[in-house]
Structure formats: C-alpha cells, structure tokens
Amino acid sequence: TMLGVGSSAGTPVVGCCCATCVSTDLRNKRSRCSSLITL
C-alpha cells in the first residue's frame, strides 16, 4: 500500500499557486513518502 508519494513538502505545497498545487485533481493531493507492506 503506497501511503504517500509526494515530495518532502507534500502536494499541494503550502502557499504555492502553481497549476499542480491549485488543481482539484485528487492525483495532485499527495502526502509524504511512505509505504506499508502487509505480509
């Protein structure tokens, strides 16, 4: 399970007004990197 795939600042970046950060596309709402492996 990919828990987060965003950059160190996450996406959107606080205070950023670029097209990605203001996008309503859920793929542009990314938390910081982490994954879970369930055996």
PDB file of all heavy atoms in Angstrom:
ATOM      1  N   THR A   1       0.862  -1.176   0.000  1.00  0.00           N
ATOM      2  CA  THR A   1       0.000   0.000   0.000  1.00  0.00           C
ATOM      3  C   THR A   1       0.898   1.225   0.000  1.00  0.00           C
ATOM      4  O   THR A   1       1.685   1.423   0.924  1.00  0.00           O
ATOM      5  CB  THR A   1      -0.914   0.029   1.245  1.00  0.00           C
ATOM      6  OG1 THR A   1      -1.664  -1.182   1.302  1.00  0.00           O
ATOM      7  CG2 THR A   1      -1.846   1.232   1.209  1.00  0.00           C
ATOM      8  N   MET A   2       0.777   2.027  -1.048  1.00  0.00           N
ATOM      9  CA  MET A   2       1.546   3.264  -1.123  1.00  0.00           C
ATOM     10  C   MET A   2       0.804   4.303  -0.300  1.00  0.00           C
ATOM     11  O   MET A   2      -0.270   4.757  -0.688  1.00  0.00           O
ATOM     12  CB  MET A   2       1.679   3.719  -2.576  1.00  0.00           C
ATOM     13  CG  MET A   2       2.168   2.644  -3.506  1.00  0.00           C
ATOM     14  SD  MET A   2       3.906   2.555  -3.843  1.00  0.00           S
ATOM     15  CE  MET A   2       4.398   4.165  -4.201  1.00  0.00           C
ATOM     16  N   LEU A   3       1.348   4.667   0.847  1.00  0.00           N
ATOM     17  CA  LEU A   3       0.689   5.612   1.748  1.00  0.00           C
ATOM     18  C   LEU A   3       0.868   7.051   1.296  1.00  0.00           C
ATOM     19  O   LEU A   3      -0.024   7.880   1.469  1.00  0.00           O
ATOM     20  CB  LEU A   3       1.224   5.441   3.167  1.00  0.00           C
ATOM     21  CG  LEU A   3       1.018   4.065   3.783  1.00  0.00           C
ATOM     22  CD1 LEU A   3       1.705   3.997   5.145  1.00  0.00           C
ATOM     23  CD2 LEU A   3      -0.452   3.732   3.892  1.00  0.00           C
ATOM     24  N   GLY A   4       2.030   7.356   0.754  1.00  0.00           N
ATOM     25  CA  GLY A   4       2.309   8.708   0.286  1.00  0.00           C
ATOM     26  C   GLY A   4       3.358   8.668  -0.797  1.00  0.00           C
ATOM     27  O   GLY A   4       4.277   7.860  -0.743  1.00  0.00           O
ATOM     28  N   VAL A   5       3.204   9.534  -1.788  1.00  0.00           N
ATOM     29  CA  VAL A   5       4.155   9.586  -2.901  1.00  0.00           C
ATOM     30  C   VAL A   5       4.545  11.026  -3.225  1.00  0.00           C
ATOM     31  O   VAL A   5       5.072  11.303  -4.299  1.00  0.00           O
ATOM     32  CB  VAL A   5       3.597   8.877  -4.165  1.00  0.00           C
ATOM     33  CG1 VAL A   5       3.384   7.396  -3.903  1.00  0.00           C
ATOM     34  CG2 VAL A   5       2.303   9.529  -4.630  1.00  0.00           C
ATOM     35  N   GLY A   6       4.301  11.934  -2.290  1.00  0.00           N
ATOM     36  CA  GLY A   6       4.596  13.344  -2.518  1.00  0.00           C
ATOM     37  C   GLY A   6       6.035  13.693  -2.203  1.00  0.00           C
ATOM     38  O   GLY A   6       6.789  12.900  -1.652  1.00  0.00           O
ATOM     39  N   SER A   7       6.399  14.904  -2.535  1.00  0.00           N
ATOM     40  CA  SER A   7       7.746  15.408  -2.251  1.00  0.00           C
ATOM     41  C   SER A   7       7.884  15.702  -0.758  1.00  0.00           C
ATOM     42  O   SER A   7       6.935  15.539   0.017  1.00  0.00           O
ATOM     43  CB  SER A   7       8.001  16.684  -3.060  1.00  0.00           C
ATOM     44  OG  SER A   7       7.182  17.725  -2.561  1.00  0.00           O
ATOM     45  N   SER A   8       9.036  16.206  -0.373  1.00  0.00           N
ATOM     46  CA  SER A   8       9.278  16.499   1.044  1.00  0.00           C
ATOM     47  C   SER A   8       8.324  17.550   1.589  1.00  0.00           C
ATOM     48  O   SER A   8       8.042  17.580   2.784  1.00  0.00           O
ATOM     49  CB  SER A   8      10.723  16.945   1.259  1.00  0.00           C
ATOM     50  OG  SER A   8      11.002  18.105   0.501  1.00  0.00           O
ATOM     51  N   ALA A   9       7.803  18.406   0.739  1.00  0.00           N
ATOM     52  CA  ALA A   9       6.842  19.427   1.167  1.00  0.00           C
ATOM     53  C   ALA A   9       5.403  18.948   1.036  1.00  0.00           C
ATOM     54  O   ALA A   9       4.472  19.611   1.488  1.00  0.00           O
ATOM     55  CB  ALA A   9       7.027  20.695   0.342  1.00  0.00           C
ATOM     56  N   GLY A  10       5.186  17.799   0.419  1.00  0.00           N
ATOM     57  CA  GLY A  10       3.834  17.341   0.129  1.00  0.00           C
ATOM     58  C   GLY A  10       3.273  18.125  -1.044  1.00  0.00           C
ATOM     59  O   GLY A  10       3.874  19.089  -1.517  1.00  0.00           O
ATOM     60  N   THR A  11       2.136  17.683  -1.530  1.00  0.00           N
ATOM     61  CA  THR A  11       1.471  18.381  -2.635  1.00  0.00           C
ATOM     62  C   THR A  11      -0.012  18.467  -2.305  1.00  0.00           C
ATOM     63  O   THR A  11      -0.612  17.432  -2.022  1.00  0.00           O
ATOM     64  CB  THR A  11       1.668  17.617  -3.966  1.00  0.00           C
ATOM     65  OG1 THR A  11       3.059  17.401  -4.174  1.00  0.00           O
ATOM     66  CG2 THR A  11       1.084  18.383  -5.132  1.00  0.00           C
ATOM     67  N   PRO A  12      -0.612  19.655  -2.269  1.00  0.00           N
ATOM     68  CA  PRO A  12      -0.021  20.935  -2.661  1.00  0.00           C
ATOM     69  C   PRO A  12       0.974  21.454  -1.622  1.00  0.00           C
ATOM     70  O   PRO A  12       0.894  21.121  -0.446  1.00  0.00           O
ATOM     71  CB  PRO A  12      -1.239  21.861  -2.764  1.00  0.00           C
ATOM     72  CG  PRO A  12      -2.262  21.268  -1.855  1.00  0.00           C
ATOM     73  CD  PRO A  12      -2.034  19.782  -1.892  1.00  0.00           C
ATOM     74  N   VAL A  13       1.867  22.305  -2.094  1.00  0.00           N
ATOM     75  CA  VAL A  13       2.846  22.953  -1.231  1.00  0.00           C
ATOM     76  C   VAL A  13       2.176  24.174  -0.598  1.00  0.00           C
ATOM     77  O   VAL A  13       1.463  24.919  -1.286  1.00  0.00           O
ATOM     78  CB  VAL A  13       4.092  23.377  -2.041  1.00  0.00           C
ATOM     79  CG1 VAL A  13       5.055  24.182  -1.186  1.00  0.00           C
ATOM     80  CG2 VAL A  13       4.766  22.148  -2.629  1.00  0.00           C
ATOM     81  N   VAL A  14       2.376  24.356   0.677  1.00  0.00           N
ATOM     82  CA  VAL A  14       1.789  25.494   1.375  1.00  0.00           C
ATOM     83  C   VAL A  14       2.184  26.796   0.674  1.00  0.00           C
ATOM     84  O   VAL A  14       3.365  27.037   0.407  1.00  0.00           O
ATOM     85  CB  VAL A  14       2.248  25.530   2.851  1.00  0.00           C
ATOM     86  CG1 VAL A  14       1.781  26.804   3.536  1.00  0.00           C
ATOM     87  CG2 VAL A  14       1.736  24.299   3.601  1.00  0.00           C
ATOM     88  N   GLY A  15       1.193  27.613   0.347  1.00  0.00           N
ATOM     89  CA  GLY A  15       1.428  28.924  -0.241  1.00  0.00           C
ATOM     90  C   GLY A  15       1.715  28.935  -1.728  1.00  0.00           C
ATOM     91  O   GLY A  15       1.871  30.000  -2.319  1.00  0.00           O
ATOM     92  N   CYS A  16       1.775  27.779  -2.362  1.00  0.00           N
ATOM     93  CA  CYS A  16       2.094  27.728  -3.790  1.00  0.00           C
ATOM     94  C   CYS A  16       0.822  27.873  -4.619  1.00  0.00           C
ATOM     95  O   CYS A  16      -0.220  27.294  -4.284  1.00  0.00           O
ATOM     96  CB  CYS A  16       2.788  26.415  -4.133  1.00  0.00           C
ATOM     97  SG  CYS A  16       3.279  26.313  -5.868  1.00  0.00           S
ATOM     98  N   CYS A  17       0.905  28.628  -5.702  1.00  0.00           N
ATOM     99  CA  CYS A  17      -0.251  28.853  -6.574  1.00  0.00           C
ATOM    100  C   CYS A  17      -0.033  28.296  -7.976  1.00  0.00           C
ATOM    101  O   CYS A  17      -0.726  28.688  -8.922  1.00  0.00           O
ATOM    102  CB  CYS A  17      -0.550  30.355  -6.654  1.00  0.00           C
ATOM    103  SG  CYS A  17      -1.043  31.036  -5.062  1.00  0.00           S
ATOM    104  N   CYS A  18       0.910  27.349  -8.131  1.00  0.00           N
ATOM    105  CA  CYS A  18       1.135  26.758  -9.448  1.00  0.00           C
ATOM    106  C   CYS A  18      -0.070  25.899  -9.833  1.00  0.00           C
ATOM    107  O   CYS A  18      -0.921  25.574  -8.995  1.00  0.00           O
ATOM    108  CB  CYS A  18       2.420  25.941  -9.477  1.00  0.00           C
ATOM    109  SG  CYS A  18       2.293  24.329  -8.660  1.00  0.00           S
ATOM    110  N   ALA A  19      -0.134  25.499 -11.080  1.00  0.00           N
ATOM    111  CA  ALA A  19      -1.280  24.734 -11.585  1.00  0.00           C
ATOM    112  C   ALA A  19      -1.473  23.424 -10.832  1.00  0.00           C
ATOM    113  O   ALA A  19      -2.608  23.008 -10.572  1.00  0.00           O
ATOM    114  CB  ALA A  19      -1.111  24.475 -13.082  1.00  0.00           C
ATOM    115  N   THR A  20      -0.382  22.759 -10.460  1.00  0.00           N
ATOM    116  CA  THR A  20      -0.495  21.493  -9.735  1.00  0.00           C
ATOM    117  C   THR A  20      -1.049  21.723  -8.332  1.00  0.00           C
ATOM    118  O   THR A  20      -1.956  21.026  -7.888  1.00  0.00           O
ATOM    119  CB  THR A  20       0.871  20.795  -9.652  1.00  0.00           C
ATOM    120  OG1 THR A  20       1.338  20.536 -10.972  1.00  0.00           O
ATOM    121  CG2 THR A  20       0.782  19.493  -8.875  1.00  0.00           C
ATOM    122  N   CYS A  21      -0.519  22.715  -7.643  1.00  0.00           N
ATOM    123  CA  CYS A  21      -0.922  22.944  -6.252  1.00  0.00           C
ATOM    124  C   CYS A  21      -2.353  23.465  -6.115  1.00  0.00           C
ATOM    125  O   CYS A  21      -2.993  23.234  -5.097  1.00  0.00           O
ATOM    126  CB  CYS A  21       0.071  23.877  -5.567  1.00  0.00           C
ATOM    127  SG  CYS A  21       1.651  23.067  -5.211  1.00  0.00           S
ATOM    128  N   VAL A  22      -2.869  24.149  -7.111  1.00  0.00           N
ATOM    129  CA  VAL A  22      -4.251  24.645  -7.018  1.00  0.00           C
ATOM    130  C   VAL A  22      -5.231  23.720  -7.732  1.00  0.00           C
ATOM    131  O   VAL A  22      -6.439  23.954  -7.734  1.00  0.00           O
ATOM    132  CB  VAL A  22      -4.393  26.087  -7.561  1.00  0.00           C
ATOM    133  CG1 VAL A  22      -3.544  27.048  -6.737  1.00  0.00           C
ATOM    134  CG2 VAL A  22      -4.060  26.178  -9.032  1.00  0.00           C
ATOM    135  N   SER A  23      -4.721  22.645  -8.294  1.00  0.00           N
ATOM    136  CA  SER A  23      -5.554  21.693  -9.027  1.00  0.00           C
ATOM    137  C   SER A  23      -6.586  21.034  -8.107  1.00  0.00           C
ATOM    138  O   SER A  23      -6.337  20.795  -6.926  1.00  0.00           O
ATOM    139  CB  SER A  23      -4.652  20.609  -9.632  1.00  0.00           C
ATOM    140  OG  SER A  23      -5.412  19.539 -10.117  1.00  0.00           O
ATOM    141  N   THR A  24      -7.734  20.711  -8.651  1.00  0.00           N
ATOM    142  CA  THR A  24      -8.750  19.954  -7.905  1.00  0.00           C
ATOM    143  C   THR A  24      -8.631  18.454  -8.182  1.00  0.00           C
ATOM    144  O   THR A  24      -9.374  17.662  -7.603  1.00  0.00           O
ATOM    145  CB  THR A  24     -10.167  20.440  -8.274  1.00  0.00           C
ATOM    146  OG1 THR A  24     -10.353  20.291  -9.685  1.00  0.00           O
ATOM    147  CG2 THR A  24     -10.362  21.893  -7.852  1.00  0.00           C
ATOM    148  N   ASP A  25      -7.707  18.067  -9.038  1.00  0.00           N
ATOM    149  CA  ASP A  25      -7.473  16.659  -9.363  1.00  0.00           C
ATOM    150  C   ASP A  25      -6.902  15.958  -8.126  1.00  0.00           C
ATOM    151  O   ASP A  25      -5.860  16.378  -7.590  1.00  0.00           O
ATOM    152  CB  ASP A  25      -6.493  16.572 -10.533  1.00  0.00           C
ATOM    153  CG  ASP A  25      -6.316  15.156 -11.065  1.00  0.00           C
ATOM    154  OD1 ASP A  25      -6.508  14.191 -10.303  1.00  0.00           O
ATOM    155  OD2 ASP A  25      -5.963  15.032 -12.257  1.00  0.00           O
ATOM    156  N   LEU A  26      -7.552  14.915  -7.670  1.00  0.00           N
ATOM    157  CA  LEU A  26      -7.104  14.210  -6.462  1.00  0.00           C
ATOM    158  C   LEU A  26      -5.689  13.646  -6.596  1.00  0.00           C
ATOM    159  O   LEU A  26      -5.011  13.438  -5.594  1.00  0.00           O
ATOM    160  CB  LEU A  26      -8.087  13.097  -6.107  1.00  0.00           C
ATOM    161  CG  LEU A  26      -9.447  13.570  -5.601  1.00  0.00           C
ATOM    162  CD1 LEU A  26     -10.349  12.382  -5.291  1.00  0.00           C
ATOM    163  CD2 LEU A  26      -9.302  14.459  -4.377  1.00  0.00           C
ATOM    164  N   ARG A  27      -5.231  13.405  -7.811  1.00  0.00           N
ATOM    165  CA  ARG A  27      -3.865  12.906  -8.000  1.00  0.00           C
ATOM    166  C   ARG A  27      -2.827  13.960  -7.611  1.00  0.00           C
ATOM    167  O   ARG A  27      -1.658  13.640  -7.438  1.00  0.00           O
ATOM    168  CB  ARG A  27      -3.661  12.459  -9.448  1.00  0.00           C
ATOM    169  CG  ARG A  27      -4.501  11.219  -9.784  1.00  0.00           C
ATOM    170  CD  ARG A  27      -4.403  10.884 -11.241  1.00  0.00           C
ATOM    171  NE  ARG A  27      -5.029  11.961 -12.016  1.00  0.00           N
ATOM    172  CZ  ARG A  27      -5.150  11.973 -13.337  1.00  0.00           C
ATOM    173  NH1 ARG A  27      -4.674  10.968 -14.032  1.00  0.00           N
ATOM    174  NH2 ARG A  27      -5.734  12.975 -13.953  1.00  0.00           N
ATOM    175  N   ASN A  28      -3.255  15.195  -7.457  1.00  0.00           N
ATOM    176  CA  ASN A  28      -2.354  16.273  -7.041  1.00  0.00           C
ATOM    177  C   ASN A  28      -2.469  16.579  -5.548  1.00  0.00           C
ATOM    178  O   ASN A  28      -2.017  17.620  -5.086  1.00  0.00           O
ATOM    179  CB  ASN A  28      -2.609  17.529  -7.880  1.00  0.00           C
ATOM    180  CG  ASN A  28      -2.165  17.335  -9.312  1.00  0.00           C
ATOM    181  OD1 ASN A  28      -1.163  16.691  -9.568  1.00  0.00           O
ATOM    182  ND2 ASN A  28      -2.934  17.866 -10.243  1.00  0.00           N
ATOM    183  N   LYS A  29      -3.033  15.672  -4.798  1.00  0.00           N
ATOM    184  CA  LYS A  29      -3.100  15.761  -3.338  1.00  0.00           C
ATOM    185  C   LYS A  29      -2.269  14.593  -2.801  1.00  0.00           C
ATOM    186  O   LYS A  29      -2.752  13.475  -2.649  1.00  0.00           O
ATOM    187  CB  LYS A  29      -4.545  15.652  -2.826  1.00  0.00           C
ATOM    188  CG  LYS A  29      -5.543  16.539  -3.547  1.00  0.00           C
ATOM    189  CD  LYS A  29      -5.330  18.001  -3.245  1.00  0.00           C
ATOM    190  CE  LYS A  29      -6.439  18.819  -3.894  1.00  0.00           C
ATOM    191  NZ  LYS A  29      -5.957  20.045  -4.490  1.00  0.00           N
ATOM    192  N   ARG A  30      -0.990  14.845  -2.565  1.00  0.00           N
ATOM    193  CA  ARG A  30      -0.075  13.757  -2.214  1.00  0.00           C
ATOM    194  C   ARG A  30       0.625  14.041  -0.886  1.00  0.00           C
ATOM    195  O   ARG A  30       1.207  15.102  -0.696  1.00  0.00           O
ATOM    196  CB  ARG A  30       0.953  13.571  -3.331  1.00  0.00           C
ATOM    197  CG  ARG A  30       0.308  13.164  -4.657  1.00  0.00           C
ATOM    198  CD  ARG A  30       1.326  12.813  -5.721  1.00  0.00           C
ATOM    199  NE  ARG A  30       2.203  13.912  -6.096  1.00  0.00           N
ATOM    200  CZ  ARG A  30       1.901  14.850  -6.985  1.00  0.00           C
ATOM    201  NH1 ARG A  30       0.720  14.848  -7.571  1.00  0.00           N
ATOM    202  NH2 ARG A  30       2.766  15.791  -7.289  1.00  0.00           N
ATOM    203  N   SER A  31       0.581  13.063  -0.014  1.00  0.00           N
ATOM    204  CA  SER A  31       1.286  13.175   1.258  1.00  0.00           C
ATOM    205  C   SER A  31       2.713  12.652   1.096  1.00  0.00           C
ATOM    206  O   SER A  31       3.092  12.108   0.069  1.00  0.00           O
ATOM    207  CB  SER A  31       0.528  12.418   2.353  1.00  0.00           C
ATOM    208  OG  SER A  31       0.382  11.054   2.012  1.00  0.00           O
ATOM    209  N   ARG A  32       3.517  12.813   2.147  1.00  0.00           N
ATOM    210  CA  ARG A  32       4.929  12.457   2.101  1.00  0.00           C
ATOM    211  C   ARG A  32       5.128  10.951   1.957  1.00  0.00           C
ATOM    212  O   ARG A  32       4.284  10.153   2.345  1.00  0.00           O
ATOM    213  CB  ARG A  32       5.644  12.967   3.355  1.00  0.00           C
ATOM    214  CG  ARG A  32       6.188  14.387   3.224  1.00  0.00           C
ATOM    215  CD  ARG A  32       5.167  15.473   2.981  1.00  0.00           C
ATOM    216  NE  ARG A  32       4.357  15.826   4.119  1.00  0.00           N
ATOM    217  CZ  ARG A  32       4.632  16.814   4.963  1.00  0.00           C
ATOM    218  NH1 ARG A  32       5.670  17.577   4.794  1.00  0.00           N
ATOM    219  NH2 ARG A  32       3.819  17.072   5.963  1.00  0.00           N
ATOM    220  N   CYS A  33       6.286  10.575   1.403  1.00  0.00           N
ATOM    221  CA  CYS A  33       6.587   9.191   1.027  1.00  0.00           C
ATOM    222  C   CYS A  33       6.580   8.229   2.205  1.00  0.00           C
ATOM    223  O   CYS A  33       7.237   8.448   3.219  1.00  0.00           O
ATOM    224  CB  CYS A  33       7.956   9.116   0.354  1.00  0.00           C
ATOM    225  SG  CYS A  33       7.935   9.679  -1.332  1.00  0.00           S
ATOM    226  N   SER A  34       5.830   7.162   2.014  1.00  0.00           N
ATOM    227  CA  SER A  34       5.798   6.046   2.944  1.00  0.00           C
ATOM    228  C   SER A  34       5.010   4.932   2.275  1.00  0.00           C
ATOM    229  O   SER A  34       4.154   5.189   1.429  1.00  0.00           O
ATOM    230  CB  SER A  34       5.124   6.458   4.252  1.00  0.00           C
ATOM    231  OG  SER A  34       5.112   5.387   5.165  1.00  0.00           O
ATOM    232  N   SER A  35       5.303   3.707   2.652  1.00  0.00           N
ATOM    233  CA  SER A  35       4.552   2.559   2.144  1.00  0.00           C
ATOM    234  C   SER A  35       4.369   1.536   3.249  1.00  0.00           C
ATOM    235  O   SER A  35       5.113   1.507   4.227  1.00  0.00           O
ATOM    236  CB  SER A  35       5.271   1.909   0.955  1.00  0.00           C
ATOM    237  OG  SER A  35       5.133   2.708  -0.196  1.00  0.00           O
ATOM    238  N   LEU A  36       3.351   0.706   3.068  1.00  0.00           N
ATOM    239  CA  LEU A  36       3.046  -0.363   4.013  1.00  0.00           C
ATOM    240  C   LEU A  36       3.052  -1.684   3.274  1.00  0.00           C
ATOM    241  O   LEU A  36       2.405  -1.816   2.231  1.00  0.00           O
ATOM    242  CB  LEU A  36       1.666  -0.129   4.651  1.00  0.00           C
ATOM    243  CG  LEU A  36       1.246  -1.157   5.695  1.00  0.00           C
ATOM    244  CD1 LEU A  36       2.023  -0.940   6.990  1.00  0.00           C
ATOM    245  CD2 LEU A  36      -0.253  -1.055   5.955  1.00  0.00           C
ATOM    246  N   ILE A  37       3.781  -2.638   3.814  1.00  0.00           N
ATOM    247  CA  ILE A  37       3.807  -3.982   3.255  1.00  0.00           C
ATOM    248  C   ILE A  37       3.073  -4.887   4.235  1.00  0.00           C
ATOM    249  O   ILE A  37       3.438  -4.963   5.414  1.00  0.00           O
ATOM    250  CB  ILE A  37       5.246  -4.470   3.049  1.00  0.00           C
ATOM    251  CG1 ILE A  37       5.931  -3.575   2.021  1.00  0.00           C
ATOM    252  CG2 ILE A  37       5.273  -5.933   2.633  1.00  0.00           C
ATOM    253  CD1 ILE A  37       7.413  -3.725   1.967  1.00  0.00           C
ATOM    254  N   THR A  38       2.029  -5.529   3.754  1.00  0.00           N
ATOM    255  CA  THR A  38       1.290  -6.495   4.567  1.00  0.00           C
ATOM    256  C   THR A  38       1.661  -7.882   4.070  1.00  0.00           C
ATOM    257  O   THR A  38       1.413  -8.230   2.909  1.00  0.00           O
ATOM    258  CB  THR A  38      -0.227  -6.268   4.453  1.00  0.00           C
ATOM    259  OG1 THR A  38      -0.525  -4.920   4.855  1.00  0.00           O
ATOM    260  CG2 THR A  38      -0.993  -7.240   5.344  1.00  0.00           C
ATOM    261  N   LEU A  39       2.288  -8.650   4.933  1.00  0.00           N
ATOM    262  CA  LEU A  39       2.717  -9.991   4.575  1.00  0.00           C
ATOM    263  C   LEU A  39       1.532 -10.948   4.571  1.00  0.00           C
ATOM    264  O   LEU A  39       0.516 -10.696   5.229  1.00  0.00           O
ATOM    265  CB  LEU A  39       3.786 -10.485   5.550  1.00  0.00           C
ATOM    266  CG  LEU A  39       5.048  -9.625   5.639  1.00  0.00           C
ATOM    267  CD1 LEU A  39       5.989 -10.189   6.695  1.00  0.00           C
ATOM    268  CD2 LEU A  39       5.743  -9.537   4.293  1.00  0.00           C
TER     269      LEU A  39
END
